[in-house]
C-alpha atoms as a PDB file:
ATOM      1  CA  UNK A   1      26.325  51.407 -37.227  1.00  0.00           C
ATOM      2  CA  UNK A   2      26.727  48.447 -39.551  1.00  0.00           C
ATOM      3  CA  UNK A   3      23.621  46.439 -38.723  1.00  0.00           C
ATOM      4  CA  UNK A   4      20.264  48.146 -38.525  1.00  0.00           C
ATOM      5  CA  UNK A   5      17.710  45.808 -36.990  1.00  0.00           C
ATOM      6  CA  UNK A   6      15.920  45.923 -33.649  1.00  0.00           C
ATOM      7  CA  UNK A   7      17.655  42.908 -32.120  1.00  0.00           C
ATOM      8  CA  UNK A   8      21.099  44.334 -32.877  1.00  0.00           C
ATOM      9  CA  UNK A   9      20.104  47.797 -31.633  1.00  0.00           C
ATOM     10  CA  UNK A  10      18.908  46.246 -28.358  1.00  0.00           C
ATOM     11  CA  UNK A  11      22.207  44.395 -28.000  1.00  0.00           C
ATOM     12  CA  UNK A  12      24.156  47.616 -28.556  1.00  0.00           C
ATOM     13  CA  UNK A  13      22.085  49.423 -25.916  1.00  0.00           C
ATOM     14  CA  UNK A  14      22.602  46.554 -23.485  1.00  0.00           C
ATOM     15  CA  UNK A  15      26.366  46.538 -24.027  1.00  0.00           C
ATOM     16  CA  UNK A  16      26.550  50.330 -23.657  1.00  0.00           C
ATOM     17  CA  UNK A  17      24.588  50.053 -20.424  1.00  0.00           C
ATOM     18  CA  UNK A  18      26.991  47.399 -19.116  1.00  0.00           C
ATOM     19  CA  UNK A  19      29.978  49.606 -19.972  1.00  0.00           C
ATOM     20  CA  UNK A  20      28.482  52.654 -18.258  1.00  0.00           C
ATOM     21  CA  UNK A  21      27.577  50.594 -15.180  1.00  0.00           C
ATOM     22  CA  UNK A  22      31.090  49.157 -14.916  1.00  0.00           C
ATOM     23  CA  UNK A  23      32.646  52.609 -15.353  1.00  0.00           C
ATOM     24  CA  UNK A  24      30.437  53.995 -12.581  1.00  0.00           C
ATOM     25  CA  UNK A  25      31.284  51.122 -10.233  1.00  0.00           C
ATOM     26  CA  UNK A  26      34.994  51.564 -10.943  1.00  0.00           C
ATOM     27  CA  UNK A  27      34.831  55.292 -10.209  1.00  0.00           C
ATOM     28  CA  UNK A  28      32.938  54.707  -6.946  1.00  0.00           C
ATOM     29  CA  UNK A  29      35.448  52.053  -5.921  1.00  0.00           C
ATOM     30  CA  UNK A  30      38.423  54.305  -6.657  1.00  0.00           C
ATOM     31  CA  UNK A  31      36.860  57.198  -4.742  1.00  0.00           C
ATOM     32  CA  UNK A  32      36.103  54.932  -1.795  1.00  0.00           C
ATOM     33  CA  UNK A  33      39.707  53.748  -1.661  1.00  0.00           C
ATOM     34  CA  UNK A  34      41.014  57.317  -1.894  1.00  0.00           C
ATOM     35  CA  UNK A  35      38.807  58.458   0.995  1.00  0.00           C
ATOM     36  CA  UNK A  36      40.062  55.563   3.107  1.00  0.00           C
ATOM     37  CA  UNK A  37      43.666  56.267   2.072  1.00  0.00           C
ATOM     38  CA  UNK A  38      43.383  59.931   3.030  1.00  0.00           C
ATOM     39  CA  UNK A  39      41.763  58.997   6.328  1.00  0.00           C
ATOM     40  CA  UNK A  40      44.505  56.473   7.131  1.00  0.00           C
ATOM     41  CA  UNK A  41      47.260  58.932   6.235  1.00  0.00           C
ATOM     42  CA  UNK A  42      45.555  61.480   8.476  1.00  0.00           C
ATOM     43  CA  UNK A  43      45.490  58.966  11.335  1.00  0.00           C
ATOM     44  CA  UNK A  44      49.215  58.294  10.914  1.00  0.00           C
ATOM     45  CA  UNK A  45      49.956  62.007  10.954  1.00  0.00           C
ATOM     46  CA  UNK A  46      47.838  62.500  14.075  1.00  0.00           C
ATOM     47  CA  UNK A  47      49.543  59.602  15.833  1.00  0.00           C
ATOM     48  CA  UNK A  48      52.905  61.309  15.262  1.00  0.00           C
ATOM     49  CA  UNK A  49      51.951  64.959  15.704  1.00  0.00           C
ATOM     50  CA  UNK A  50      54.309  65.154  18.692  1.00  0.00           C
ATOM     51  CA  UNK A  51      57.143  65.008  16.152  1.00  0.00           C
ATOM     52  CA  UNK A  52      56.339  68.602  15.200  1.00  0.00           C
ATOM     53  CA  UNK A  53      55.399  70.460  12.036  1.00  0.00           C
ATOM     54  CA  UNK A  54      58.514  69.338  10.168  1.00  0.00           C
ATOM     55  CA  UNK A  55      57.094  65.818  10.185  1.00  0.00           C
ATOM     56  CA  UNK A  56      54.357  66.778   7.728  1.00  0.00           C
ATOM     57  CA  UNK A  57      56.810  68.733   5.562  1.00  0.00           C
ATOM     58  CA  UNK A  58      59.214  65.793   5.444  1.00  0.00           C
ATOM     59  CA  UNK A  59      56.406  63.334   4.797  1.00  0.00           C
ATOM     60  CA  UNK A  60      55.173  65.419   1.877  1.00  0.00           C
ATOM     61  CA  UNK A  61      58.675  65.680   0.414  1.00  0.00           C
ATOM     62  CA  UNK A  62      59.339  61.950   0.812  1.00  0.00           C
ATOM     63  CA  UNK A  63      56.023  61.036  -0.797  1.00  0.00           C
ATOM     64  CA  UNK A  64      56.905  63.276  -3.751  1.00  0.00           C
ATOM     65  CA  UNK A  65      60.309  61.606  -4.046  1.00  0.00           C
ATOM     66  CA  UNK A  66      58.796  58.121  -3.998  1.00  0.00           C
ATOM     67  CA  UNK A  67      55.847  58.968  -6.255  1.00  0.00           C
ATOM     68  CA  UNK A  68      56.986  61.882  -8.453  1.00  0.00           C
ATOM     69  CA  UNK A  69      54.012  61.703 -10.824  1.00  0.00           C
ATOM     70  CA  UNK A  70      51.417  61.603  -8.042  1.00  0.00           C
ATOM     71  CA  UNK A  71      49.737  64.808  -6.926  1.00  0.00           C
ATOM     72  CA  UNK A  72      47.678  65.621  -3.854  1.00  0.00           C
ATOM     73  CA  UNK A  73      50.200  65.109  -1.067  1.00  0.00           C
ATOM     74  CA  UNK A  74      51.209  68.691  -0.430  1.00  0.00           C
ATOM     75  CA  UNK A  75      51.757  69.902   3.123  1.00  0.00           C
ATOM     76  CA  UNK A  76      48.381  71.607   2.988  1.00  0.00           C
ATOM     77  CA  UNK A  77      46.578  68.461   1.800  1.00  0.00           C
ATOM     78  CA  UNK A  78      48.311  66.321   4.418  1.00  0.00           C
ATOM     79  CA  UNK A  79      47.084  68.757   7.070  1.00  0.00           C
ATOM     80  CA  UNK A  80      43.559  68.391   5.656  1.00  0.00           C
ATOM     81  CA  UNK A  81      43.912  64.615   5.908  1.00  0.00           C
ATOM     82  CA  UNK A  82      44.954  64.934   9.547  1.00  0.00           C
ATOM     83  CA  UNK A  83      41.992  67.207  10.245  1.00  0.00           C
ATOM     84  CA  UNK A  84      39.648  64.760   8.499  1.00  0.00           C
ATOM     85  CA  UNK A  85      40.929  61.864  10.631  1.00  0.00           C
ATOM     86  CA  UNK A  86      40.700  63.971  13.794  1.00  0.00           C
ATOM     87  CA  UNK A  87      37.050  64.796  13.060  1.00  0.00           C
ATOM     88  CA  UNK A  88      36.165  61.090  12.887  1.00  0.00           C
ATOM     89  CA  UNK A  89      38.545  59.334  15.295  1.00  0.00           C
ATOM     90  CA  UNK A  90      36.635  56.056  15.451  1.00  0.00           C
ATOM     91  CA  UNK A  91      36.515  55.718  11.666  1.00  0.00           C
ATOM     92  CA  UNK A  92      32.981  54.348  11.698  1.00  0.00           C
ATOM     93  CA  UNK A  93      31.530  57.290   9.810  1.00  0.00           C
ATOM     94  CA  UNK A  94      34.325  57.129   7.253  1.00  0.00           C
ATOM     95  CA  UNK A  95      33.649  53.453   6.532  1.00  0.00           C
ATOM     96  CA  UNK A  96      29.916  54.132   6.152  1.00  0.00           C
ATOM     97  CA  UNK A  97      30.489  57.212   4.015  1.00  0.00           C
ATOM     98  CA  UNK A  98      32.963  55.549   1.697  1.00  0.00           C
ATOM     99  CA  UNK A  99      30.490  52.730   1.031  1.00  0.00           C
ATOM    100  CA  UNK A 100      27.870  55.280  -0.080  1.00  0.00           C
ATOM    101  CA  UNK A 101      29.905  57.682  -2.203  1.00  0.00           C
ATOM    102  CA  UNK A 102      27.773  58.622  -5.180  1.00  0.00           C
ATOM    103  CA  UNK A 103      30.282  60.736  -7.114  1.00  0.00           C
ATOM    104  CA  UNK A 104      31.933  59.554 -10.249  1.00  0.00           C
END
């Protein structure tokens, strides 16, 4: 700390508070978008479940080909997404939940 007076210390605390608040809001926003993404992927899977189990396997493989550095789209996770979407078919709860996510 280069300056040691009360006004400067208050400014530093204010700026740190702003940074922490923005980081929290960014994390909540990202988590909200991920929940909605997973829900929407689950809906797509459920709409095409008549295509059989190979559909999810192919979808997982194609996602990995298109986004090789992205994780979380394994066959198992895609099945969880489908189950999530099936549990809340109208999506209303998902929209409400994603607006209230407290995790960071």
